Amino acid sequence: SELPRYRSHKEVRAVQIEKVIPTAGGGAEIVP
């Protein structure tokens, strides 16, 4: 409650994720 408050004003690129499918080696395929 003592910390200053901030509002975001950044522009980003993003996509909502439908599925995260694990791949060999610990990575994953992201299905938007």
PDB file of all heavy atoms in Angstrom:
ATOM      1  N   SER A   1       0.821  -1.208   0.000  1.00  0.00           N
ATOM      2  CA  SER A   1       0.000   0.000   0.000  1.00  0.00           C
ATOM      3  C   SER A   1       0.861   1.268   0.000  1.00  0.00           C
ATOM      4  O   SER A   1       0.388   2.337  -0.330  1.00  0.00           O
ATOM      5  CB  SER A   1      -0.948   0.011   1.189  1.00  0.00           C
ATOM      6  OG  SER A   1      -0.213   0.031   2.393  1.00  0.00           O
ATOM      7  N   GLU A   2       2.130   1.143   0.357  1.00  0.00           N
ATOM      8  CA  GLU A   2       3.036   2.291   0.386  1.00  0.00           C
ATOM      9  C   GLU A   2       3.761   2.493  -0.940  1.00  0.00           C
ATOM     10  O   GLU A   2       4.379   3.533  -1.149  1.00  0.00           O
ATOM     11  CB  GLU A   2       4.064   2.102   1.502  1.00  0.00           C
ATOM     12  CG  GLU A   2       3.429   2.017   2.875  1.00  0.00           C
ATOM     13  CD  GLU A   2       4.423   1.586   3.942  1.00  0.00           C
ATOM     14  OE1 GLU A   2       5.641   1.613   3.677  1.00  0.00           O
ATOM     15  OE2 GLU A   2       3.975   1.217   5.032  1.00  0.00           O
ATOM     16  N   LEU A   3       3.709   1.501  -1.828  1.00  0.00           N
ATOM     17  CA  LEU A   3       4.435   1.597  -3.097  1.00  0.00           C
ATOM     18  C   LEU A   3       3.718   2.527  -4.057  1.00  0.00           C
ATOM     19  O   LEU A   3       2.482   2.559  -4.097  1.00  0.00           O
ATOM     20  CB  LEU A   3       4.569   0.213  -3.732  1.00  0.00           C
ATOM     21  CG  LEU A   3       5.306  -0.836  -2.906  1.00  0.00           C
ATOM     22  CD1 LEU A   3       5.284  -2.175  -3.627  1.00  0.00           C
ATOM     23  CD2 LEU A   3       6.735  -0.401  -2.634  1.00  0.00           C
ATOM     24  N   PRO A   4       4.466   3.297  -4.877  1.00  0.00           N
ATOM     25  CA  PRO A   4       3.843   4.154  -5.882  1.00  0.00           C
ATOM     26  C   PRO A   4       3.055   3.322  -6.892  1.00  0.00           C
ATOM     27  O   PRO A   4       3.388   2.163  -7.146  1.00  0.00           O
ATOM     28  CB  PRO A   4       5.030   4.834  -6.570  1.00  0.00           C
ATOM     29  CG  PRO A   4       6.156   4.704  -5.623  1.00  0.00           C
ATOM     30  CD  PRO A   4       5.918   3.425  -4.868  1.00  0.00           C
ATOM     31  N   ARG A   5       2.006   3.906  -7.472  1.00  0.00           N
ATOM     32  CA  ARG A   5       1.179   3.227  -8.470  1.00  0.00           C
ATOM     33  C   ARG A   5       1.571   3.717  -9.859  1.00  0.00           C
ATOM     34  O   ARG A   5       1.941   4.880 -10.029  1.00  0.00           O
ATOM     35  CB  ARG A   5      -0.291   3.508  -8.200  1.00  0.00           C
ATOM     36  CG  ARG A   5      -0.746   2.874  -6.897  1.00  0.00           C
ATOM     37  CD  ARG A   5      -2.128   3.271  -6.498  1.00  0.00           C
ATOM     38  NE  ARG A   5      -3.069   3.146  -7.617  1.00  0.00           N
ATOM     39  CZ  ARG A   5      -4.337   3.473  -7.553  1.00  0.00           C
ATOM     40  NH1 ARG A   5      -4.831   3.958  -6.439  1.00  0.00           N
ATOM     41  NH2 ARG A   5      -5.122   3.332  -8.588  1.00  0.00           N
ATOM     42  N   TYR A   6       1.467   2.819 -10.857  1.00  0.00           N
ATOM     43  CA  TYR A   6       1.820   3.145 -12.239  1.00  0.00           C
ATOM     44  C   TYR A   6       0.741   2.652 -13.181  1.00  0.00           C
ATOM     45  O   TYR A   6       0.065   1.667 -12.908  1.00  0.00           O
ATOM     46  CB  TYR A   6       3.141   2.467 -12.633  1.00  0.00           C
ATOM     47  CG  TYR A   6       4.337   3.043 -11.916  1.00  0.00           C
ATOM     48  CD1 TYR A   6       4.696   2.598 -10.651  1.00  0.00           C
ATOM     49  CD2 TYR A   6       5.086   4.040 -12.510  1.00  0.00           C
ATOM     50  CE1 TYR A   6       5.782   3.129 -10.000  1.00  0.00           C
ATOM     51  CE2 TYR A   6       6.188   4.575 -11.862  1.00  0.00           C
ATOM     52  CZ  TYR A   6       6.536   4.115 -10.607  1.00  0.00           C
ATOM     53  OH  TYR A   6       7.621   4.639  -9.959  1.00  0.00           O
ATOM     54  N   ARG A   7       0.589   3.308 -14.336  1.00  0.00           N
ATOM     55  CA  ARG A   7      -0.344   2.877 -15.375  1.00  0.00           C
ATOM     56  C   ARG A   7       0.467   2.607 -16.636  1.00  0.00           C
ATOM     57  O   ARG A   7       1.317   3.405 -17.017  1.00  0.00           O
ATOM     58  CB  ARG A   7      -1.391   3.962 -15.644  1.00  0.00           C
ATOM     59  CG  ARG A   7      -2.326   3.588 -16.786  1.00  0.00           C
ATOM     60  CD  ARG A   7      -3.500   4.522 -16.898  1.00  0.00           C
ATOM     61  NE  ARG A   7      -4.404   4.211 -15.794  1.00  0.00           N
ATOM     62  CZ  ARG A   7      -4.979   5.118 -15.013  1.00  0.00           C
ATOM     63  NH1 ARG A   7      -4.762   6.388 -15.200  1.00  0.00           N
ATOM     64  NH2 ARG A   7      -5.766   4.747 -14.033  1.00  0.00           N
ATOM     65  N   SER A   8       0.199   1.509 -17.303  1.00  0.00           N
ATOM     66  CA  SER A   8       0.930   1.126 -18.510  1.00  0.00           C
ATOM     67  C   SER A   8       0.505   1.975 -19.702  1.00  0.00           C
ATOM     68  O   SER A   8      -0.667   2.286 -19.880  1.00  0.00           O
ATOM     69  CB  SER A   8       0.678  -0.350 -18.827  1.00  0.00           C
ATOM     70  OG  SER A   8       1.326  -0.694 -20.020  1.00  0.00           O
ATOM     71  N   HIS A   9       1.470   2.327 -20.524  1.00  0.00           N
ATOM     72  CA  HIS A   9       1.214   3.036 -21.765  1.00  0.00           C
ATOM     73  C   HIS A   9       2.073   2.469 -22.896  1.00  0.00           C
ATOM     74  O   HIS A   9       2.358   3.123 -23.874  1.00  0.00           O
ATOM     75  CB  HIS A   9       1.458   4.544 -21.586  1.00  0.00           C
ATOM     76  CG  HIS A   9       2.838   4.850 -21.076  1.00  0.00           C
ATOM     77  ND1 HIS A   9       3.110   4.898 -19.734  1.00  0.00           N
ATOM     78  CD2 HIS A   9       3.991   5.091 -21.712  1.00  0.00           C
ATOM     79  CE1 HIS A   9       4.399   5.167 -19.573  1.00  0.00           C
ATOM     80  NE2 HIS A   9       4.953   5.284 -20.756  1.00  0.00           N
ATOM     81  N   LYS A  10       2.488   1.222 -22.750  1.00  0.00           N
ATOM     82  CA  LYS A  10       3.333   0.546 -23.720  1.00  0.00           C
ATOM     83  C   LYS A  10       2.500  -0.042 -24.855  1.00  0.00           C
ATOM     84  O   LYS A  10       1.354  -0.431 -24.664  1.00  0.00           O
ATOM     85  CB  LYS A  10       4.089  -0.609 -23.071  1.00  0.00           C
ATOM     86  CG  LYS A  10       5.037  -0.212 -22.001  1.00  0.00           C
ATOM     87  CD  LYS A  10       5.688  -1.453 -21.459  1.00  0.00           C
ATOM     88  CE  LYS A  10       5.374  -1.538 -19.994  1.00  0.00           C
ATOM     89  NZ  LYS A  10       5.866  -2.712 -19.365  1.00  0.00           N
ATOM     90  N   GLU A  11       3.126  -0.126 -26.038  1.00  0.00           N
ATOM     91  CA  GLU A  11       2.519  -0.855 -27.144  1.00  0.00           C
ATOM     92  C   GLU A  11       3.287  -2.160 -27.287  1.00  0.00           C
ATOM     93  O   GLU A  11       4.521  -2.156 -27.308  1.00  0.00           O
ATOM     94  CB  GLU A  11       2.613  -0.052 -28.437  1.00  0.00           C
ATOM     95  CG  GLU A  11       1.902  -0.708 -29.589  1.00  0.00           C
ATOM     96  CD  GLU A  11       1.873   0.159 -30.830  1.00  0.00           C
ATOM     97  OE1 GLU A  11       1.649   1.379 -30.699  1.00  0.00           O
ATOM     98  OE2 GLU A  11       2.090  -0.391 -31.926  1.00  0.00           O
ATOM     99  N   VAL A  12       2.583  -3.273 -27.325  1.00  0.00           N
ATOM    100  CA  VAL A  12       3.199  -4.593 -27.436  1.00  0.00           C
ATOM    101  C   VAL A  12       2.542  -5.374 -28.565  1.00  0.00           C
ATOM    102  O   VAL A  12       1.472  -5.012 -29.044  1.00  0.00           O
ATOM    103  CB  VAL A  12       3.068  -5.396 -26.117  1.00  0.00           C
ATOM    104  CG1 VAL A  12       3.759  -4.691 -24.969  1.00  0.00           C
ATOM    105  CG2 VAL A  12       1.610  -5.667 -25.778  1.00  0.00           C
ATOM    106  N   ARG A  13       3.180  -6.441 -28.958  1.00  0.00           N
ATOM    107  CA  ARG A  13       2.569  -7.410 -29.860  1.00  0.00           C
ATOM    108  C   ARG A  13       2.203  -8.596 -28.981  1.00  0.00           C
ATOM    109  O   ARG A  13       2.985  -8.983 -28.105  1.00  0.00           O
ATOM    110  CB  ARG A  13       3.531  -7.833 -30.958  1.00  0.00           C
ATOM    111  CG  ARG A  13       3.843  -6.691 -31.896  1.00  0.00           C
ATOM    112  CD  ARG A  13       4.446  -7.228 -33.177  1.00  0.00           C
ATOM    113  NE  ARG A  13       4.563  -6.173 -34.152  1.00  0.00           N
ATOM    114  CZ  ARG A  13       3.642  -5.866 -35.049  1.00  0.00           C
ATOM    115  NH1 ARG A  13       2.520  -6.540 -35.099  1.00  0.00           N
ATOM    116  NH2 ARG A  13       3.824  -4.893 -35.906  1.00  0.00           N
ATOM    117  N   ALA A  14       1.026  -9.163 -29.193  1.00  0.00           N
ATOM    118  CA  ALA A  14       0.591 -10.254 -28.320  1.00  0.00           C
ATOM    119  C   ALA A  14      -0.457 -11.100 -29.013  1.00  0.00           C
ATOM    120  O   ALA A  14      -1.109 -10.664 -29.961  1.00  0.00           O
ATOM    121  CB  ALA A  14       0.028  -9.690 -27.027  1.00  0.00           C
ATOM    122  N   VAL A  15      -0.597 -12.320 -28.518  1.00  0.00           N
ATOM    123  CA  VAL A  15      -1.630 -13.223 -29.020  1.00  0.00           C
ATOM    124  C   VAL A  15      -2.113 -14.085 -27.858  1.00  0.00           C
ATOM    125  O   VAL A  15      -1.318 -14.505 -27.007  1.00  0.00           O
ATOM    126  CB  VAL A  15      -1.103 -14.089 -30.193  1.00  0.00           C
ATOM    127  CG1 VAL A  15      -0.021 -15.052 -29.739  1.00  0.00           C
ATOM    128  CG2 VAL A  15      -2.228 -14.831 -30.874  1.00  0.00           C
ATOM    129  N   GLN A  16      -3.426 -14.299 -27.825  1.00  0.00           N
ATOM    130  CA  GLN A  16      -3.970 -15.183 -26.789  1.00  0.00           C
ATOM    131  C   GLN A  16      -3.649 -16.624 -27.157  1.00  0.00           C
ATOM    132  O   GLN A  16      -3.705 -17.013 -28.327  1.00  0.00           O
ATOM    133  CB  GLN A  16      -5.474 -14.985 -26.633  1.00  0.00           C
ATOM    134  CG  GLN A  16      -6.005 -15.728 -25.428  1.00  0.00           C
ATOM    135  CD  GLN A  16      -7.466 -15.443 -25.142  1.00  0.00           C
ATOM    136  OE1 GLN A  16      -8.200 -14.974 -25.996  1.00  0.00           O
ATOM    137  NE2 GLN A  16      -7.883 -15.741 -23.929  1.00  0.00           N
ATOM    138  N   ILE A  17      -3.320 -17.412 -26.161  1.00  0.00           N
ATOM    139  CA  ILE A  17      -2.891 -18.796 -26.361  1.00  0.00           C
ATOM    140  C   ILE A  17      -4.067 -19.757 -26.215  1.00  0.00           C
ATOM    141  O   ILE A  17      -4.773 -19.728 -25.205  1.00  0.00           O
ATOM    142  CB  ILE A  17      -1.793 -19.169 -25.338  1.00  0.00           C
ATOM    143  CG1 ILE A  17      -0.582 -18.254 -25.522  1.00  0.00           C
ATOM    144  CG2 ILE A  17      -1.419 -20.637 -25.462  1.00  0.00           C
ATOM    145  CD1 ILE A  17       0.445 -18.385 -24.398  1.00  0.00           C
ATOM    146  N   GLU A  18      -4.250 -20.599 -27.237  1.00  0.00           N
ATOM    147  CA  GLU A  18      -5.275 -21.648 -27.156  1.00  0.00           C
ATOM    148  C   GLU A  18      -4.688 -22.909 -26.531  1.00  0.00           C
ATOM    149  O   GLU A  18      -5.308 -23.541 -25.687  1.00  0.00           O
ATOM    150  CB  GLU A  18      -5.814 -21.980 -28.546  1.00  0.00           C
ATOM    151  CG  GLU A  18      -6.886 -23.059 -28.504  1.00  0.00           C
ATOM    152  CD  GLU A  18      -7.492 -23.330 -29.865  1.00  0.00           C
ATOM    153  OE1 GLU A  18      -7.733 -22.377 -30.605  1.00  0.00           O
ATOM    154  OE2 GLU A  18      -7.707 -24.511 -30.181  1.00  0.00           O
ATOM    155  N   LYS A  19      -3.473 -23.283 -26.973  1.00  0.00           N
ATOM    156  CA  LYS A  19      -2.816 -24.498 -26.469  1.00  0.00           C
ATOM    157  C   LYS A  19      -1.325 -24.268 -26.341  1.00  0.00           C
ATOM    158  O   LYS A  19      -0.726 -23.530 -27.127  1.00  0.00           O
ATOM    159  CB  LYS A  19      -2.994 -25.663 -27.450  1.00  0.00           C
ATOM    160  CG  LYS A  19      -4.375 -26.177 -27.626  1.00  0.00           C
ATOM    161  CD  LYS A  19      -4.353 -27.333 -28.628  1.00  0.00           C
ATOM    162  CE  LYS A  19      -5.747 -27.653 -29.121  1.00  0.00           C
ATOM    163  NZ  LYS A  19      -5.713 -28.618 -30.222  1.00  0.00           N
ATOM    164  N   VAL A  20      -0.712 -24.946 -25.388  1.00  0.00           N
ATOM    165  CA  VAL A  20       0.734 -25.006 -25.234  1.00  0.00           C
ATOM    166  C   VAL A  20       1.089 -26.479 -25.346  1.00  0.00           C
ATOM    167  O   VAL A  20       0.708 -27.282 -24.493  1.00  0.00           O
ATOM    168  CB  VAL A  20       1.189 -24.441 -23.871  1.00  0.00           C
ATOM    169  CG1 VAL A  20       2.696 -24.559 -23.721  1.00  0.00           C
ATOM    170  CG2 VAL A  20       0.724 -23.000 -23.696  1.00  0.00           C
ATOM    171  N   ILE A  21       1.793 -26.847 -26.426  1.00  0.00           N
ATOM    172  CA  ILE A  21       2.120 -28.249 -26.678  1.00  0.00           C
ATOM    173  C   ILE A  21       3.623 -28.455 -26.464  1.00  0.00           C
ATOM    174  O   ILE A  21       4.439 -27.939 -27.231  1.00  0.00           O
ATOM    175  CB  ILE A  21       1.738 -28.648 -28.122  1.00  0.00           C
ATOM    176  CG1 ILE A  21       0.239 -28.357 -28.355  1.00  0.00           C
ATOM    177  CG2 ILE A  21       2.075 -30.107 -28.384  1.00  0.00           C
ATOM    178  CD1 ILE A  21      -0.180 -28.449 -29.816  1.00  0.00           C
ATOM    179  N   PRO A  22       4.007 -29.171 -25.407  1.00  0.00           N
ATOM    180  CA  PRO A  22       5.431 -29.402 -25.139  1.00  0.00           C
ATOM    181  C   PRO A  22       6.123 -30.096 -26.311  1.00  0.00           C
ATOM    182  O   PRO A  22       5.539 -30.946 -26.980  1.00  0.00           O
ATOM    183  CB  PRO A  22       5.423 -30.301 -23.901  1.00  0.00           C
ATOM    184  CG  PRO A  22       4.097 -30.049 -23.260  1.00  0.00           C
ATOM    185  CD  PRO A  22       3.147 -29.796 -24.403  1.00  0.00           C
ATOM    186  N   THR A  23       7.386 -29.714 -26.562  1.00  0.00           N
ATOM    187  CA  THR A  23       8.198 -30.331 -27.601  1.00  0.00           C
ATOM    188  C   THR A  23       9.468 -30.892 -26.979  1.00  0.00           C
ATOM    189  O   THR A  23       9.770 -30.619 -25.818  1.00  0.00           O
ATOM    190  CB  THR A  23       8.561 -29.309 -28.700  1.00  0.00           C
ATOM    191  OG1 THR A  23       9.295 -28.229 -28.107  1.00  0.00           O
ATOM    192  CG2 THR A  23       7.326 -28.765 -29.401  1.00  0.00           C
ATOM    193  N   ALA A  24      10.207 -31.661 -27.759  1.00  0.00           N
ATOM    194  CA  ALA A  24      11.459 -32.243 -27.286  1.00  0.00           C
ATOM    195  C   ALA A  24      12.410 -31.140 -26.829  1.00  0.00           C
ATOM    196  O   ALA A  24      12.458 -30.063 -27.426  1.00  0.00           O
ATOM    197  CB  ALA A  24      12.102 -33.060 -28.400  1.00  0.00           C
ATOM    198  N   GLY A  25      13.121 -31.385 -25.772  1.00  0.00           N
ATOM    199  CA  GLY A  25      14.099 -30.435 -25.283  1.00  0.00           C
ATOM    200  C   GLY A  25      13.548 -29.370 -24.354  1.00  0.00           C
ATOM    201  O   GLY A  25      14.252 -28.449 -23.974  1.00  0.00           O
ATOM    202  N   GLY A  26      12.267 -29.454 -24.005  1.00  0.00           N
ATOM    203  CA  GLY A  26      11.699 -28.521 -23.046  1.00  0.00           C
ATOM    204  C   GLY A  26      11.021 -27.298 -23.626  1.00  0.00           C
ATOM    205  O   GLY A  26      10.453 -26.508 -22.896  1.00  0.00           O
ATOM    206  N   GLY A  27      11.074 -27.128 -24.942  1.00  0.00           N
ATOM    207  CA  GLY A  27      10.376 -26.018 -25.580  1.00  0.00           C
ATOM    208  C   GLY A  27       8.904 -26.347 -25.734  1.00  0.00           C
ATOM    209  O   GLY A  27       8.397 -27.305 -25.143  1.00  0.00           O
ATOM    210  N   ALA A  28       8.210 -25.561 -26.545  1.00  0.00           N
ATOM    211  CA  ALA A  28       6.784 -25.821 -26.766  1.00  0.00           C
ATOM    212  C   ALA A  28       6.321 -25.175 -28.065  1.00  0.00           C
ATOM    213  O   ALA A  28       6.936 -24.231 -28.566  1.00  0.00           O
ATOM    214  CB  ALA A  28       5.946 -25.296 -25.614  1.00  0.00           C
ATOM    215  N   GLU A  29       5.221 -25.703 -28.576  1.00  0.00           N
ATOM    216  CA  GLU A  29       4.534 -25.070 -29.695  1.00  0.00           C
ATOM    217  C   GLU A  29       3.366 -24.299 -29.080  1.00  0.00           C
ATOM    218  O   GLU A  29       2.592 -24.844 -28.300  1.00  0.00           O
ATOM    219  CB  GLU A  29       4.022 -26.107 -30.684  1.00  0.00           C
ATOM    220  CG  GLU A  29       3.283 -25.471 -31.857  1.00  0.00           C
ATOM    221  CD  GLU A  29       2.828 -26.480 -32.893  1.00  0.00           C
ATOM    222  OE1 GLU A  29       2.096 -27.422 -32.507  1.00  0.00           O
ATOM    223  OE2 GLU A  29       3.208 -26.328 -34.049  1.00  0.00           O
ATOM    224  N   ILE A  30       3.262 -23.029 -29.443  1.00  0.00           N
ATOM    225  CA  ILE A  30       2.167 -22.182 -28.981  1.00  0.00           C
ATOM    226  C   ILE A  30       1.130 -22.135 -30.099  1.00  0.00           C
ATOM    227  O   ILE A  30       1.443 -21.773 -31.234  1.00  0.00           O
ATOM    228  CB  ILE A  30       2.650 -20.748 -28.671  1.00  0.00           C
ATOM    229  CG1 ILE A  30       3.751 -20.754 -27.609  1.00  0.00           C
ATOM    230  CG2 ILE A  30       1.478 -19.848 -28.296  1.00  0.00           C
ATOM    231  CD1 ILE A  30       3.324 -21.128 -26.225  1.00  0.00           C
ATOM    232  N   VAL A  31      -0.100 -22.497 -29.785  1.00  0.00           N
ATOM    233  CA  VAL A  31      -1.198 -22.452 -30.746  1.00  0.00           C
ATOM    234  C   VAL A  31      -2.087 -21.262 -30.363  1.00  0.00           C
ATOM    235  O   VAL A  31      -2.708 -21.274 -29.302  1.00  0.00           O
ATOM    236  CB  VAL A  31      -2.022 -23.761 -30.739  1.00  0.00           C
ATOM    237  CG1 VAL A  31      -3.167 -23.676 -31.735  1.00  0.00           C
ATOM    238  CG2 VAL A  31      -1.127 -24.960 -31.032  1.00  0.00           C
ATOM    239  N   PRO A  32      -2.125 -20.215 -31.221  1.00  0.00           N
ATOM    240  CA  PRO A  32      -2.934 -19.042 -30.918  1.00  0.00           C
ATOM    241  C   PRO A  32      -4.433 -19.307 -31.023  1.00  0.00           C
ATOM    242  O   PRO A  32      -4.877 -20.156 -31.797  1.00  0.00           O
ATOM    243  CB  PRO A  32      -2.514 -18.025 -31.986  1.00  0.00           C
ATOM    244  CG  PRO A  32      -1.189 -18.504 -32.475  1.00  0.00           C
ATOM    245  CD  PRO A  32      -1.264 -19.999 -32.381  1.00  0.00           C
TER     246      PRO A  32
END
